[in-house]
Amino acid sequence: MTDLETVKTVVKALDSKKAGNIRVLKIGDLTILANYFVIAEGSSNTQVKALADEVDFQMGQLGVEPKNMSGTQGATWITIDYIDVVVHVFYKETREFYDLERLWQDGEEINIEEFLK
């Protein structure tokens, strides 16, 4: 599975559960951490957990398991690490506080409209 196929699956899974403000940043030229960050938010801890669970489920259906998943206890910031694609699902206020988009502003934002067709 290519990185972009992973990103597409993740974006569609997040969208299917009504994630807010889904953004994809291409950061592979800036760091060795990952090639892409997918960032989204939920309006409650319950929705944040449901969003992360849906991503994990949809990727699992394709035989892809995360290298790591953290933050599920508090469900204010859950990360799901697929090695080259890292998914960040935030509670809205937590996302505003950490502001990953500002920290990674040199990354290239990918238009997700193509993924949602």
PDB file of N, CA and C in Angstrom:
ATOM      1  N   MET A   1       0.847  -1.176   0.000  1.00  0.00           N
ATOM      2  CA  MET A   1       0.000   0.000   0.000  1.00  0.00           C
ATOM      3  C   MET A   1       0.898   1.248   0.000  1.00  0.00           C
ATOM      4  N   THR A   2       0.648   2.159  -0.916  1.00  0.00           N
ATOM      5  CA  THR A   2       1.458   3.378  -0.992  1.00  0.00           C
ATOM      6  C   THR A   2       1.042   4.349   0.116  1.00  0.00           C
ATOM      7  N   ASP A   3       1.897   5.330   0.354  1.00  0.00           N
ATOM      8  CA  ASP A   3       1.574   6.348   1.356  1.00  0.00           C
ATOM      9  C   ASP A   3       0.275   7.068   1.002  1.00  0.00           C
ATOM     10  N   LEU A   4       0.108   7.425  -0.265  1.00  0.00           N
ATOM     11  CA  LEU A   4      -1.105   8.155  -0.661  1.00  0.00           C
ATOM     12  C   LEU A   4      -2.355   7.289  -0.545  1.00  0.00           C
ATOM     13  N   GLU A   5      -2.225   5.986  -0.776  1.00  0.00           N
ATOM     14  CA  GLU A   5      -3.371   5.083  -0.570  1.00  0.00           C
ATOM     15  C   GLU A   5      -3.733   5.026   0.909  1.00  0.00           C
ATOM     16  N   THR A   6      -2.714   5.013   1.768  1.00  0.00           N
ATOM     17  CA  THR A   6      -2.951   5.044   3.208  1.00  0.00           C
ATOM     18  C   THR A   6      -3.649   6.340   3.595  1.00  0.00           C
ATOM     19  N   VAL A   7      -3.131   7.464   3.093  1.00  0.00           N
ATOM     20  CA  VAL A   7      -3.728   8.774   3.389  1.00  0.00           C
ATOM     21  C   VAL A   7      -5.183   8.802   2.943  1.00  0.00           C
ATOM     22  N   LYS A   8      -5.463   8.301   1.743  1.00  0.00           N
ATOM     23  CA  LYS A   8      -6.828   8.307   1.220  1.00  0.00           C
ATOM     24  C   LYS A   8      -7.755   7.480   2.115  1.00  0.00           C
ATOM     25  N   THR A   9      -7.322   6.298   2.507  1.00  0.00           N
ATOM     26  CA  THR A   9      -8.131   5.441   3.377  1.00  0.00           C
ATOM     27  C   THR A   9      -8.402   6.118   4.709  1.00  0.00           C
ATOM     28  N   VAL A  10      -7.375   6.748   5.279  1.00  0.00           N
ATOM     29  CA  VAL A  10      -7.513   7.435   6.562  1.00  0.00           C
ATOM     30  C   VAL A  10      -8.485   8.606   6.440  1.00  0.00           C
ATOM     31  N   VAL A  11      -8.322   9.423   5.401  1.00  0.00           N
ATOM     32  CA  VAL A  11      -9.185  10.593   5.205  1.00  0.00           C
ATOM     33  C   VAL A  11     -10.637  10.157   5.034  1.00  0.00           C
ATOM     34  N   LYS A  12     -10.872   9.118   4.241  1.00  0.00           N
ATOM     35  CA  LYS A  12     -12.237   8.635   4.033  1.00  0.00           C
ATOM     36  C   LYS A  12     -12.841   8.095   5.336  1.00  0.00           C
ATOM     37  N   ALA A  13     -12.031   7.399   6.121  1.00  0.00           N
ATOM     38  CA  ALA A  13     -12.517   6.873   7.405  1.00  0.00           C
ATOM     39  C   ALA A  13     -12.888   8.020   8.346  1.00  0.00           C
ATOM     40  N   LEU A  14     -12.038   9.024   8.410  1.00  0.00           N
ATOM     41  CA  LEU A  14     -12.319  10.187   9.268  1.00  0.00           C
ATOM     42  C   LEU A  14     -13.573  10.917   8.798  1.00  0.00           C
ATOM     43  N   ASP A  15     -13.678  11.108   7.497  1.00  0.00           N
ATOM     44  CA  ASP A  15     -14.830  11.815   6.937  1.00  0.00           C
ATOM     45  C   ASP A  15     -16.130  11.048   7.197  1.00  0.00           C
ATOM     46  N   SER A  16     -16.060   9.727   7.137  1.00  0.00           N
ATOM     47  CA  SER A  16     -17.265   8.909   7.334  1.00  0.00           C
ATOM     48  C   SER A  16     -17.837   9.053   8.741  1.00  0.00           C
ATOM     49  N   LYS A  17     -16.995   9.453   9.686  1.00  0.00           N
ATOM     50  CA  LYS A  17     -17.443   9.640  11.076  1.00  0.00           C
ATOM     51  C   LYS A  17     -17.526  11.124  11.435  1.00  0.00           C
ATOM     52  N   LYS A  18     -17.601  11.970  10.393  1.00  0.00           N
ATOM     53  CA  LYS A  18     -17.835  13.412  10.568  1.00  0.00           C
ATOM     54  C   LYS A  18     -16.713  14.129  11.323  1.00  0.00           C
ATOM     55  N   ALA A  19     -15.464  13.764  11.036  1.00  0.00           N
ATOM     56  CA  ALA A  19     -14.329  14.476  11.623  1.00  0.00           C
ATOM     57  C   ALA A  19     -14.338  15.927  11.161  1.00  0.00           C
ATOM     58  N   GLY A  20     -13.892  16.797  12.015  1.00  0.00           N
ATOM     59  CA  GLY A  20     -13.816  18.206  11.657  1.00  0.00           C
ATOM     60  C   GLY A  20     -12.440  18.586  11.140  1.00  0.00           C
ATOM     61  N   ASN A  21     -12.409  19.529  10.211  1.00  0.00           N
ATOM     62  CA  ASN A  21     -11.176  20.171   9.752  1.00  0.00           C
ATOM     63  C   ASN A  21     -10.053  19.174   9.443  1.00  0.00           C
ATOM     64  N   ILE A  22     -10.308  18.244   8.540  1.00  0.00           N
ATOM     65  CA  ILE A  22      -9.301  17.243   8.155  1.00  0.00           C
ATOM     66  C   ILE A  22      -8.254  17.928   7.280  1.00  0.00           C
ATOM     67  N   ARG A  23      -6.999  17.772   7.658  1.00  0.00           N
ATOM     68  CA  ARG A  23      -5.903  18.340   6.864  1.00  0.00           C
ATOM     69  C   ARG A  23      -4.805  17.295   6.699  1.00  0.00           C
ATOM     70  N   VAL A  24      -4.152  17.348   5.547  1.00  0.00           N
ATOM     71  CA  VAL A  24      -3.041  16.448   5.265  1.00  0.00           C
ATOM     72  C   VAL A  24      -1.826  17.306   4.950  1.00  0.00           C
ATOM     73  N   LEU A  25      -0.729  17.036   5.655  1.00  0.00           N
ATOM     74  CA  LEU A  25       0.517  17.751   5.423  1.00  0.00           C
ATOM     75  C   LEU A  25       1.575  16.772   4.945  1.00  0.00           C
ATOM     76  N   LYS A  26       2.213  17.106   3.842  1.00  0.00           N
ATOM     77  CA  LYS A  26       3.337  16.313   3.345  1.00  0.00           C
ATOM     78  C   LYS A  26       4.588  16.877   4.003  1.00  0.00           C
ATOM     79  N   ILE A  27       5.222  16.067   4.859  1.00  0.00           N
ATOM     80  CA  ILE A  27       6.358  16.550   5.636  1.00  0.00           C
ATOM     81  C   ILE A  27       7.631  15.748   5.390  1.00  0.00           C
ATOM     82  N   GLY A  28       7.589  14.827   4.441  1.00  0.00           N
ATOM     83  CA  GLY A  28       8.716  13.935   4.188  1.00  0.00           C
ATOM     84  C   GLY A  28      10.007  14.639   3.836  1.00  0.00           C
ATOM     85  N   ASP A  29       9.917  15.826   3.240  1.00  0.00           N
ATOM     86  CA  ASP A  29      11.127  16.576   2.889  1.00  0.00           C
ATOM     87  C   ASP A  29      11.705  17.319   4.092  1.00  0.00           C
ATOM     88  N   LEU A  30      10.958  17.371   5.195  1.00  0.00           N
ATOM     89  CA  LEU A  30      11.367  18.150   6.369  1.00  0.00           C
ATOM     90  C   LEU A  30      11.886  17.305   7.519  1.00  0.00           C
ATOM     91  N   THR A  31      11.516  16.026   7.547  1.00  0.00           N
ATOM     92  CA  THR A  31      11.821  15.192   8.708  1.00  0.00           C
ATOM     93  C   THR A  31      11.870  13.721   8.315  1.00  0.00           C
ATOM     94  N   ILE A  32      12.463  12.933   9.190  1.00  0.00           N
ATOM     95  CA  ILE A  32      12.442  11.479   8.985  1.00  0.00           C
ATOM     96  C   ILE A  32      11.321  10.828   9.796  1.00  0.00           C
ATOM     97  N   LEU A  33      10.537  11.642  10.527  1.00  0.00           N
ATOM     98  CA  LEU A  33       9.452  11.101  11.354  1.00  0.00           C
ATOM     99  C   LEU A  33       8.399  10.383  10.536  1.00  0.00           C
ATOM    100  N   ALA A  34       8.039  10.979   9.408  1.00  0.00           N
ATOM    101  CA  ALA A  34       6.977  10.429   8.561  1.00  0.00           C
ATOM    102  C   ALA A  34       6.996  11.184   7.235  1.00  0.00           C
ATOM    103  N   ASN A  35       6.237  10.680   6.278  1.00  0.00           N
ATOM    104  CA  ASN A  35       6.071  11.399   5.015  1.00  0.00           C
ATOM    105  C   ASN A  35       4.833  12.290   5.033  1.00  0.00           C
ATOM    106  N   TYR A  36       3.800  11.859   5.794  1.00  0.00           N
ATOM    107  CA  TYR A  36       2.550  12.612   5.865  1.00  0.00           C
ATOM    108  C   TYR A  36       2.022  12.630   7.285  1.00  0.00           C
ATOM    109  N   PHE A  37       1.418  13.751   7.647  1.00  0.00           N
ATOM    110  CA  PHE A  37       0.591  13.854   8.846  1.00  0.00           C
ATOM    111  C   PHE A  37      -0.839  14.039   8.365  1.00  0.00           C
ATOM    112  N   VAL A  38      -1.756  13.293   8.947  1.00  0.00           N
ATOM    113  CA  VAL A  38      -3.178  13.527   8.744  1.00  0.00           C
ATOM    114  C   VAL A  38      -3.687  14.036  10.083  1.00  0.00           C
ATOM    115  N   ILE A  39      -4.313  15.221  10.065  1.00  0.00           N
ATOM    116  CA  ILE A  39      -4.762  15.866  11.289  1.00  0.00           C
ATOM    117  C   ILE A  39      -6.264  16.101  11.187  1.00  0.00           C
ATOM    118  N   ALA A  40      -6.971  15.742  12.250  1.00  0.00           N
ATOM    119  CA  ALA A  40      -8.427  15.934  12.275  1.00  0.00           C
ATOM    120  C   ALA A  40      -8.858  16.174  13.712  1.00  0.00           C
ATOM    121  N   GLU A  41     -10.120  16.570  13.862  1.00  0.00           N
ATOM    122  CA  GLU A  41     -10.607  16.827  15.212  1.00  0.00           C
ATOM    123  C   GLU A  41     -12.012  16.289  15.409  1.00  0.00           C
ATOM    124  N   GLY A  42     -12.289  16.018  16.674  1.00  0.00           N
ATOM    125  CA  GLY A  42     -13.630  15.630  17.089  1.00  0.00           C
ATOM    126  C   GLY A  42     -14.149  16.629  18.102  1.00  0.00           C
ATOM    127  N   SER A  43     -15.456  16.685  18.251  1.00  0.00           N
ATOM    128  CA  SER A  43     -16.070  17.674  19.136  1.00  0.00           C
ATOM    129  C   SER A  43     -16.220  17.174  20.572  1.00  0.00           C
ATOM    130  N   SER A  44     -15.881  15.912  20.819  1.00  0.00           N
ATOM    131  CA  SER A  44     -15.934  15.346  22.172  1.00  0.00           C
ATOM    132  C   SER A  44     -14.899  14.233  22.267  1.00  0.00           C
ATOM    133  N   ASN A  45     -14.576  13.856  23.498  1.00  0.00           N
ATOM    134  CA  ASN A  45     -13.641  12.741  23.685  1.00  0.00           C
ATOM    135  C   ASN A  45     -14.189  11.461  23.070  1.00  0.00           C
ATOM    136  N   THR A  46     -15.502  11.295  23.159  1.00  0.00           N
ATOM    137  CA  THR A  46     -16.146  10.110  22.588  1.00  0.00           C
ATOM    138  C   THR A  46     -15.967  10.091  21.072  1.00  0.00           C
ATOM    139  N   GLN A  47     -16.148  11.240  20.417  1.00  0.00           N
ATOM    140  CA  GLN A  47     -15.978  11.284  18.969  1.00  0.00           C
ATOM    141  C   GLN A  47     -14.512  11.092  18.581  1.00  0.00           C
ATOM    142  N   VAL A  48     -13.591  11.677  19.353  1.00  0.00           N
ATOM    143  CA  VAL A  48     -12.164  11.494  19.066  1.00  0.00           C
ATOM    144  C   VAL A  48     -11.826  10.008  19.075  1.00  0.00           C
ATOM    145  N   LYS A  49     -12.297   9.305  20.090  1.00  0.00           N
ATOM    146  CA  LYS A  49     -12.038   7.857  20.190  1.00  0.00           C
ATOM    147  C   LYS A  49     -12.700   7.110  19.035  1.00  0.00           C
ATOM    148  N   ALA A  50     -13.934   7.491  18.675  1.00  0.00           N
ATOM    149  CA  ALA A  50     -14.637   6.839  17.564  1.00  0.00           C
ATOM    150  C   ALA A  50     -13.912   7.074  16.239  1.00  0.00           C
ATOM    151  N   LEU A  51     -13.375   8.272  16.046  1.00  0.00           N
ATOM    152  CA  LEU A  51     -12.623   8.571  14.814  1.00  0.00           C
ATOM    153  C   LEU A  51     -11.382   7.693  14.723  1.00  0.00           C
ATOM    154  N   ALA A  52     -10.635   7.619  15.812  1.00  0.00           N
ATOM    155  CA  ALA A  52      -9.420   6.795  15.823  1.00  0.00           C
ATOM    156  C   ALA A  52      -9.759   5.320  15.617  1.00  0.00           C
ATOM    157  N   ASP A  53     -10.824   4.874  16.257  1.00  0.00           N
ATOM    158  CA  ASP A  53     -11.241   3.470  16.102  1.00  0.00           C
ATOM    159  C   ASP A  53     -11.628   3.169  14.656  1.00  0.00           C
ATOM    160  N   GLU A  54     -12.288   4.102  13.991  1.00  0.00           N
ATOM    161  CA  GLU A  54     -12.695   3.888  12.595  1.00  0.00           C
ATOM    162  C   GLU A  54     -11.481   3.823  11.675  1.00  0.00           C
ATOM    163  N   VAL A  55     -10.504   4.689  11.909  1.00  0.00           N
ATOM    164  CA  VAL A  55      -9.271   4.630  11.115  1.00  0.00           C
ATOM    165  C   VAL A  55      -8.603   3.277  11.313  1.00  0.00           C
ATOM    166  N   ASP A  56      -8.458   2.855  12.574  1.00  0.00           N
ATOM    167  CA  ASP A  56      -7.831   1.573  12.886  1.00  0.00           C
ATOM    168  C   ASP A  56      -8.601   0.422  12.235  1.00  0.00           C
ATOM    169  N   PHE A  57      -9.928   0.475  12.286  1.00  0.00           N
ATOM    170  CA  PHE A  57     -10.754  -0.577  11.691  1.00  0.00           C
ATOM    171  C   PHE A  57     -10.584  -0.630  10.171  1.00  0.00           C
ATOM    172  N   GLN A  58     -10.698   0.523   9.509  1.00  0.00           N
ATOM    173  CA  GLN A  58     -10.608   0.552   8.039  1.00  0.00           C
ATOM    174  C   GLN A  58      -9.228   0.111   7.552  1.00  0.00           C
ATOM    175  N   MET A  59      -8.198   0.535   8.237  1.00  0.00           N
ATOM    176  CA  MET A  59      -6.845   0.104   7.848  1.00  0.00           C
ATOM    177  C   MET A  59      -6.666  -1.387   8.125  1.00  0.00           C
ATOM    178  N   GLY A  60      -7.215  -1.857   9.227  1.00  0.00           N
ATOM    179  CA  GLY A  60      -7.156  -3.280   9.557  1.00  0.00           C
ATOM    180  C   GLY A  60      -7.852  -4.134   8.515  1.00  0.00           C
ATOM    181  N   GLN A  61      -8.949  -3.621   7.941  1.00  0.00           N
ATOM    182  CA  GLN A  61      -9.665  -4.334   6.880  1.00  0.00           C
ATOM    183  C   GLN A  61      -8.753  -4.549   5.672  1.00  0.00           C
ATOM    184  N   LEU A  62      -7.762  -3.671   5.510  1.00  0.00           N
ATOM    185  CA  LEU A  62      -6.810  -3.778   4.394  1.00  0.00           C
ATOM    186  C   LEU A  62      -5.548  -4.530   4.814  1.00  0.00           C
ATOM    187  N   GLY A  63      -5.558  -5.063   6.027  1.00  0.00           N
ATOM    188  CA  GLY A  63      -4.417  -5.837   6.513  1.00  0.00           C
ATOM    189  C   GLY A  63      -3.274  -4.985   7.025  1.00  0.00           C
ATOM    190  N   VAL A  64      -3.549  -3.712   7.322  1.00  0.00           N
ATOM    191  CA  VAL A  64      -2.504  -2.806   7.796  1.00  0.00           C
ATOM    192  C   VAL A  64      -2.751  -2.488   9.264  1.00  0.00           C
ATOM    193  N   GLU A  65      -1.797  -2.851  10.089  1.00  0.00           N
ATOM    194  CA  GLU A  65      -1.890  -2.574  11.525  1.00  0.00           C
ATOM    195  C   GLU A  65      -0.929  -1.436  11.872  1.00  0.00           C
ATOM    196  N   PRO A  66      -1.310  -0.591  12.828  1.00  0.00           N
ATOM    197  CA  PRO A  66      -0.418   0.510  13.199  1.00  0.00           C
ATOM    198  C   PRO A  66       0.814   0.011  13.940  1.00  0.00           C
ATOM    199  N   LYS A  67       1.902   0.737  13.763  1.00  0.00           N
ATOM    200  CA  LYS A  67       3.110   0.450  14.531  1.00  0.00           C
ATOM    201  C   LYS A  67       2.868   0.806  15.991  1.00  0.00           C
ATOM    202  N   ASN A  68       2.107   1.879  16.195  1.00  0.00           N
ATOM    203  CA  ASN A  68       1.811   2.332  17.543  1.00  0.00           C
ATOM    204  C   ASN A  68       0.518   3.145  17.528  1.00  0.00           C
ATOM    205  N   MET A  69      -0.211   3.089  18.635  1.00  0.00           N
ATOM    206  CA  MET A  69      -1.394   3.927  18.819  1.00  0.00           C
ATOM    207  C   MET A  69      -1.339   4.410  20.260  1.00  0.00           C
ATOM    208  N   SER A  70      -1.393   5.734  20.446  1.00  0.00           N
ATOM    209  CA  SER A  70      -1.303   6.254  21.808  1.00  0.00           C
ATOM    210  C   SER A  70      -2.326   7.351  22.037  1.00  0.00           C
ATOM    211  N   GLY A  71      -2.637   7.568  23.312  1.00  0.00           N
ATOM    212  CA  GLY A  71      -3.560   8.620  23.691  1.00  0.00           C
ATOM    213  C   GLY A  71      -5.003   8.185  23.830  1.00  0.00           C
ATOM    214  N   THR A  72      -5.261   6.890  23.729  1.00  0.00           N
ATOM    215  CA  THR A  72      -6.649   6.421  23.741  1.00  0.00           C
ATOM    216  C   THR A  72      -7.304   6.567  25.114  1.00  0.00           C
ATOM    217  N   GLN A  73      -6.516   6.629  26.184  1.00  0.00           N
ATOM    218  CA  GLN A  73      -7.104   6.750  27.530  1.00  0.00           C
ATOM    219  C   GLN A  73      -7.812   8.082  27.723  1.00  0.00           C
ATOM    220  N   GLY A  74      -7.101   9.186  27.487  1.00  0.00           N
ATOM    221  CA  GLY A  74      -7.705  10.497  27.685  1.00  0.00           C
ATOM    222  C   GLY A  74      -8.543  10.949  26.507  1.00  0.00           C
ATOM    223  N   ALA A  75      -8.202  10.445  25.326  1.00  0.00           N
ATOM    224  CA  ALA A  75      -8.917  10.740  24.074  1.00  0.00           C
ATOM    225  C   ALA A  75      -9.024  12.247  23.798  1.00  0.00           C
ATOM    226  N   THR A  76      -7.944  12.983  24.121  1.00  0.00           N
ATOM    227  CA  THR A  76      -7.894  14.379  23.695  1.00  0.00           C
ATOM    228  C   THR A  76      -6.927  14.550  22.540  1.00  0.00           C
ATOM    229  N   TRP A  77      -5.985  13.600  22.399  1.00  0.00           N
ATOM    230  CA  TRP A  77      -5.059  13.589  21.270  1.00  0.00           C
ATOM    231  C   TRP A  77      -4.611  12.141  21.072  1.00  0.00           C
ATOM    232  N   ILE A  78      -5.148  11.515  20.057  1.00  0.00           N
ATOM    233  CA  ILE A  78      -4.782  10.136  19.749  1.00  0.00           C
ATOM    234  C   ILE A  78      -3.898  10.140  18.510  1.00  0.00           C
ATOM    235  N   THR A  79      -2.759   9.474  18.604  1.00  0.00           N
ATOM    236  CA  THR A  79      -1.895   9.324  17.432  1.00  0.00           C
ATOM    237  C   THR A  79      -1.909   7.869  17.003  1.00  0.00           C
ATOM    238  N   ILE A  80      -1.950   7.687  15.697  1.00  0.00           N
ATOM    239  CA  ILE A  80      -1.894   6.345  15.110  1.00  0.00           C
ATOM    240  C   ILE A  80      -0.749   6.380  14.110  1.00  0.00           C
ATOM    241  N   ASP A  81       0.267   5.565  14.366  1.00  0.00           N
ATOM    242  CA  ASP A  81       1.499   5.600  13.589  1.00  0.00           C
ATOM    243  C   ASP A  81       1.532   4.439  12.584  1.00  0.00           C
ATOM    244  N   TYR A  82       1.402   4.804  11.312  1.00  0.00           N
ATOM    245  CA  TYR A  82       1.532   3.825  10.232  1.00  0.00           C
ATOM    246  C   TYR A  82       2.892   3.983   9.546  1.00  0.00           C
ATOM    247  N   ILE A  83       3.895   4.358  10.296  1.00  0.00           N
ATOM    248  CA  ILE A  83       5.294   4.552   9.914  1.00  0.00           C
ATOM    249  C   ILE A  83       5.467   5.762   9.002  1.00  0.00           C
ATOM    250  N   ASP A  84       5.022   5.700   7.761  1.00  0.00           N
ATOM    251  CA  ASP A  84       5.191   6.837   6.853  1.00  0.00           C
ATOM    252  C   ASP A  84       4.009   7.801   6.895  1.00  0.00           C
ATOM    253  N   VAL A  85       2.927   7.382   7.517  1.00  0.00           N
ATOM    254  CA  VAL A  85       1.741   8.229   7.682  1.00  0.00           C
ATOM    255  C   VAL A  85       1.363   8.198   9.165  1.00  0.00           C
ATOM    256  N   VAL A  86       1.353   9.370   9.783  1.00  0.00           N
ATOM    257  CA  VAL A  86       0.973   9.463  11.187  1.00  0.00           C
ATOM    258  C   VAL A  86      -0.332  10.249  11.276  1.00  0.00           C
ATOM    259  N   VAL A  87      -1.307   9.659  11.949  1.00  0.00           N
ATOM    260  CA  VAL A  87      -2.633  10.252  12.090  1.00  0.00           C
ATOM    261  C   VAL A  87      -2.738  10.881  13.474  1.00  0.00           C
ATOM    262  N   HIS A  88      -3.179  12.136  13.509  1.00  0.00           N
ATOM    263  CA  HIS A  88      -3.394  12.858  14.763  1.00  0.00           C
ATOM    264  C   HIS A  88      -4.880  13.202  14.842  1.00  0.00           C
ATOM    265  N   VAL A  89      -5.567  12.628  15.828  1.00  0.00           N
ATOM    266  CA  VAL A  89      -6.982  12.935  16.026  1.00  0.00           C
ATOM    267  C   VAL A  89      -7.085  13.673  17.356  1.00  0.00           C
ATOM    268  N   PHE A  90      -7.527  14.913  17.274  1.00  0.00           N
ATOM    269  CA  PHE A  90      -7.558  15.804  18.426  1.00  0.00           C
ATOM    270  C   PHE A  90      -8.973  16.114  18.887  1.00  0.00           C
ATOM    271  N   TYR A  91      -9.090  16.404  20.179  1.00  0.00           N
ATOM    272  CA  TYR A  91     -10.227  17.142  20.695  1.00  0.00           C
ATOM    273  C   TYR A  91      -9.977  18.584  20.261  1.00  0.00           C
ATOM    274  N   LYS A  92     -11.009  19.302  19.842  1.00  0.00           N
ATOM    275  CA  LYS A  92     -10.850  20.618  19.211  1.00  0.00           C
ATOM    276  C   LYS A  92      -9.939  21.563  20.006  1.00  0.00           C
ATOM    277  N   GLU A  93     -10.169  21.708  21.299  1.00  0.00           N
ATOM    278  CA  GLU A  93      -9.359  22.631  22.103  1.00  0.00           C
ATOM    279  C   GLU A  93      -7.906  22.174  22.197  1.00  0.00           C
ATOM    280  N   THR A  94      -7.687  20.884  22.255  1.00  0.00           N
ATOM    281  CA  THR A  94      -6.321  20.354  22.310  1.00  0.00           C
ATOM    282  C   THR A  94      -5.594  20.649  21.005  1.00  0.00           C
ATOM    283  N   ARG A  95      -6.300  20.520  19.898  1.00  0.00           N
ATOM    284  CA  ARG A  95      -5.696  20.828  18.594  1.00  0.00           C
ATOM    285  C   ARG A  95      -5.284  22.293  18.526  1.00  0.00           C
ATOM    286  N   GLU A  96      -6.163  23.172  18.996  1.00  0.00           N
ATOM    287  CA  GLU A  96      -5.842  24.594  18.977  1.00  0.00           C
ATOM    288  C   GLU A  96      -4.623  24.890  19.853  1.00  0.00           C
ATOM    289  N   PHE A  97      -4.511  24.212  20.982  1.00  0.00           N
ATOM    290  CA  PHE A  97      -3.394  24.435  21.897  1.00  0.00           C
ATOM    291  C   PHE A  97      -2.059  24.011  21.285  1.00  0.00           C
ATOM    292  N   TYR A  98      -2.004  22.813  20.706  1.00  0.00           N
ATOM    293  CA  TYR A  98      -0.746  22.304  20.166  1.00  0.00           C
ATOM    294  C   TYR A  98      -0.427  22.841  18.773  1.00  0.00           C
ATOM    295  N   ASP A  99      -1.447  23.167  18.000  1.00  0.00           N
ATOM    296  CA  ASP A  99      -1.303  23.835  16.696  1.00  0.00           C
ATOM    297  C   ASP A  99      -0.217  23.205  15.811  1.00  0.00           C
ATOM    298  N   LEU A 100      -0.368  21.914  15.526  1.00  0.00           N
ATOM    299  CA  LEU A 100       0.617  21.213  14.685  1.00  0.00           C
ATOM    300  C   LEU A 100       0.772  21.859  13.319  1.00  0.00           C
ATOM    301  N   GLU A 101      -0.310  22.405  12.794  1.00  0.00           N
ATOM    302  CA  GLU A 101      -0.226  23.032  11.474  1.00  0.00           C
ATOM    303  C   GLU A 101       0.773  24.192  11.481  1.00  0.00           C
ATOM    304  N   ARG A 102       0.831  24.939  12.575  1.00  0.00           N
ATOM    305  CA  ARG A 102       1.795  26.029  12.667  1.00  0.00           C
ATOM    306  C   ARG A 102       3.208  25.460  12.818  1.00  0.00           C
ATOM    307  N   LEU A 103       3.367  24.441  13.649  1.00  0.00           N
ATOM    308  CA  LEU A 103       4.684  23.842  13.858  1.00  0.00           C
ATOM    309  C   LEU A 103       5.250  23.252  12.561  1.00  0.00           C
ATOM    310  N   TRP A 104       4.373  22.730  11.716  1.00  0.00           N
ATOM    311  CA  TRP A 104       4.791  22.089  10.467  1.00  0.00           C
ATOM    312  C   TRP A 104       4.372  22.920   9.256  1.00  0.00           C
ATOM    313  N   GLN A 105       4.354  24.239   9.409  1.00  0.00           N
ATOM    314  CA  GLN A 105       3.881  25.124   8.341  1.00  0.00           C
ATOM    315  C   GLN A 105       4.731  25.059   7.077  1.00  0.00           C
ATOM    316  N   ASP A 106       5.954  24.557   7.179  1.00  0.00           N
ATOM    317  CA  ASP A 106       6.786  24.408   5.983  1.00  0.00           C
ATOM    318  C   ASP A 106       6.410  23.171   5.175  1.00  0.00           C
ATOM    319  N   GLY A 107       5.545  22.328   5.730  1.00  0.00           N
ATOM    320  CA  GLY A 107       5.063  21.160   4.997  1.00  0.00           C
ATOM    321  C   GLY A 107       4.083  21.585   3.912  1.00  0.00           C
ATOM    322  N   GLU A 108       3.934  20.730   2.922  1.00  0.00           N
ATOM    323  CA  GLU A 108       3.018  21.004   1.806  1.00  0.00           C
ATOM    324  C   GLU A 108       1.633  20.487   2.152  1.00  0.00           C
ATOM    325  N   GLU A 109       0.635  21.368   2.124  1.00  0.00           N
ATOM    326  CA  GLU A 109      -0.731  20.926   2.394  1.00  0.00           C
ATOM    327  C   GLU A 109      -1.283  20.237   1.148  1.00  0.00           C
ATOM    328  N   ILE A 110      -1.863  19.066   1.350  1.00  0.00           N
ATOM    329  CA  ILE A 110      -2.429  18.267   0.270  1.00  0.00           C
ATOM    330  C   ILE A 110      -3.942  18.487   0.242  1.00  0.00           C
ATOM    331  N   ASN A 111      -4.480  18.767  -0.929  1.00  0.00           N
ATOM    332  CA  ASN A 111      -5.920  18.944  -1.084  1.00  0.00           C
ATOM    333  C   ASN A 111      -6.598  17.572  -0.947  1.00  0.00           C
ATOM    334  N   ILE A 112      -7.526  17.464   0.010  1.00  0.00           N
ATOM    335  CA  ILE A 112      -8.158  16.157   0.265  1.00  0.00           C
ATOM    336  C   ILE A 112      -9.405  15.920  -0.565  1.00  0.00           C
ATOM    337  N   GLU A 113      -9.836  16.881  -1.346  1.00  0.00           N
ATOM    338  CA  GLU A 113     -11.065  16.719  -2.134  1.00  0.00           C
ATOM    339  C   GLU A 113     -11.019  15.484  -3.039  1.00  0.00           C
ATOM    340  N   GLU A 114      -9.861  15.226  -3.627  1.00  0.00           N
ATOM    341  CA  GLU A 114      -9.707  14.056  -4.510  1.00  0.00           C
ATOM    342  C   GLU A 114      -9.928  12.745  -3.755  1.00  0.00           C
ATOM    343  N   PHE A 115      -9.563  12.732  -2.477  1.00  0.00           N
ATOM    344  CA  PHE A 115      -9.685  11.518  -1.670  1.00  0.00           C
ATOM    345  C   PHE A 115     -11.133  11.218  -1.301  1.00  0.00           C
ATOM    346  N   LEU A 116     -11.976  12.237  -1.342  1.00  0.00           N
ATOM    347  CA  LEU A 116     -13.346  12.082  -0.852  1.00  0.00           C
ATOM    348  C   LEU A 116     -14.349  11.784  -1.965  1.00  0.00           C
ATOM    349  N   LYS A 117     -13.885  11.614  -3.187  1.00  0.00           N
ATOM    350  CA  LYS A 117     -14.790  11.317  -4.309  1.00  0.00           C
ATOM    351  C   LYS A 117     -15.197   9.864  -4.309  1.00  0.00           C
TER     352      LYS A 117
END
